[in-house]
Protein backbone atom coordinates (compact mmCIF):
# COMPACT_ATOMS: atom_id res chain seq x y z
CA UNK A 1 136.28 141.49 313.06
CA UNK A 2 138.26 144.54 314.17
CA UNK A 3 141.91 145.47 314.23
CA UNK A 4 143.83 148.28 315.91
CA UNK A 5 146.81 149.64 313.95
CA UNK A 6 149.39 152.07 315.30
CA UNK A 7 152.22 152.30 312.74
CA UNK A 8 152.70 151.88 309.00
CA UNK A 9 149.17 150.52 308.52
CA UNK A 10 147.61 153.84 309.60
CA UNK A 11 146.23 156.29 307.04
CA UNK A 12 148.99 158.27 305.38
CA UNK A 13 151.62 155.57 305.88
CA UNK A 14 153.14 153.16 303.36
CA UNK A 15 151.31 149.96 304.28
CA UNK A 16 147.84 151.48 304.61
CA UNK A 17 147.05 150.06 301.16
CA UNK A 18 146.30 146.75 302.91
CA UNK A 19 143.37 148.43 304.69
CA UNK A 20 142.07 150.60 301.85
CA UNK A 21 139.01 148.36 301.34
CA UNK A 22 138.30 148.20 305.10
CA UNK A 23 136.02 150.46 307.12
CA UNK A 24 137.75 152.85 309.47
CA UNK A 25 135.82 152.91 312.75
CA UNK A 26 137.82 155.68 314.39
CA UNK A 27 141.15 156.89 315.69
CA UNK A 28 141.77 157.00 319.41
CA UNK A 29 144.09 156.42 322.34
CA UNK A 30 144.42 152.89 323.68
CA UNK A 31 145.49 152.26 327.27
CA UNK A 32 147.63 149.36 328.46
CA UNK A 33 150.44 149.48 325.87
CA UNK A 34 153.89 151.04 325.49
CA UNK A 35 155.42 151.91 322.11
CA UNK A 36 159.05 151.52 321.03
CA UNK A 37 160.81 152.10 317.73
CA UNK A 38 162.74 149.82 315.39
CA UNK A 39 163.74 152.92 313.43
CA UNK A 40 161.45 152.60 310.44
CA UNK A 41 158.44 151.22 312.28
CA UNK A 42 157.02 150.95 315.80
CA UNK A 43 156.33 148.00 318.05
CA UNK A 44 154.20 147.81 321.18
CA UNK A 45 153.96 145.57 324.20
CA UNK A 46 151.44 145.33 327.00
CA UNK A 47 152.35 147.67 329.83
CA UNK A 48 151.42 150.87 331.58
CA UNK A 49 151.02 153.52 328.93
CA UNK A 50 148.89 154.73 326.06
CA UNK A 51 149.32 154.49 322.31
CA UNK A 52 147.49 156.22 319.47
CA UNK A 53 146.10 154.37 316.48
CA UNK A 54 143.14 153.51 314.31
CA UNK A 55 140.40 150.90 314.57
CA UNK A 56 139.19 149.14 311.41
CA UNK A 57 136.55 146.57 310.55
CA UNK A 58 138.32 143.98 308.40
CA UNK A 59 137.61 140.67 306.66
CA UNK A 60 139.52 137.37 306.78
CA UNK A 61 141.54 138.13 303.63
CA UNK A 62 142.71 141.46 305.05
CA UNK A 63 143.66 139.78 308.33
CA UNK A 64 145.77 137.23 306.43
CA UNK A 65 147.54 140.04 304.53
CA UNK A 66 148.21 141.92 307.77
CA UNK A 67 149.52 138.69 309.37
CA UNK A 68 151.94 138.31 306.46
CA UNK A 69 153.10 141.94 306.68
CA UNK A 70 153.58 141.77 310.45
CA UNK A 71 155.35 138.40 310.36
CA UNK A 72 152.78 136.77 312.64
CA UNK A 73 153.51 134.64 314.61
CA UNK A 74 157.31 134.77 314.24
CA UNK A 75 157.96 138.52 314.63
CA UNK A 76 154.81 140.14 315.94
CA UNK A 77 152.21 138.14 317.83
CA UNK A 78 148.59 138.89 317.01
CA UNK A 79 146.55 138.96 320.21
CA UNK A 80 142.97 139.84 320.98
CA UNK A 81 142.00 142.63 323.35
CA UNK A 82 138.85 144.57 324.21
CA UNK A 83 138.09 148.26 324.22
CA UNK A 84 134.93 149.68 325.86
CA UNK A 85 134.19 151.80 322.77
CA UNK A 86 135.08 149.37 319.98
CA UNK A 87 134.68 145.93 321.54
CA UNK A 88 136.96 142.98 320.73
CA UNK A 89 139.85 143.67 318.36
CA UNK A 90 143.18 142.25 317.18
CA UNK A 91 146.51 143.99 317.77
CA UNK A 92 150.10 143.04 316.88
CA UNK A 93 152.53 143.10 319.80
CA UNK A 94 155.86 141.87 321.07
CA UNK A 95 156.94 141.17 324.62
CA UNK A 96 158.55 143.73 326.91
CA UNK A 97 161.76 141.68 326.83
CA UNK A 98 161.89 141.86 323.03
CA UNK A 99 161.63 145.67 323.22
CA UNK A 100 164.15 146.37 326.00
CA UNK A 101 166.93 147.35 323.60
CA UNK A 102 164.68 149.72 321.60
CA UNK A 103 164.02 153.42 322.14
CA UNK A 104 160.64 154.31 323.62
CA UNK A 105 158.38 156.44 321.44
CA UNK A 106 157.57 159.34 323.75
CA UNK A 107 153.88 160.12 323.79
CA UNK A 108 152.87 156.80 322.17
CA UNK A 109 152.14 158.27 318.74
CA UNK A 110 153.93 157.12 315.57
């Protein structure tokens, strides 16, 4: 299975250790999302925009660890989406309403 990460799980960030045994498939822009900031980490919701992140091939154990880190399903919701280059993947999001009070990350890159 695949996952798209856009914040602290990316290479060079503090939580990337959870993906160190996973295969990086690529880094790219993803359409259909807007990024906002909680200060120390980003959050995205489905909307008109683009965000930058990394695609990984992961196993069930890694997905469980990422769910724990992201507080799924209580904080972030893990949803499935599809990209023409990478196919089906998981991404952690919140709703637009949950992000209204947060600052937008200009340019969609954390």
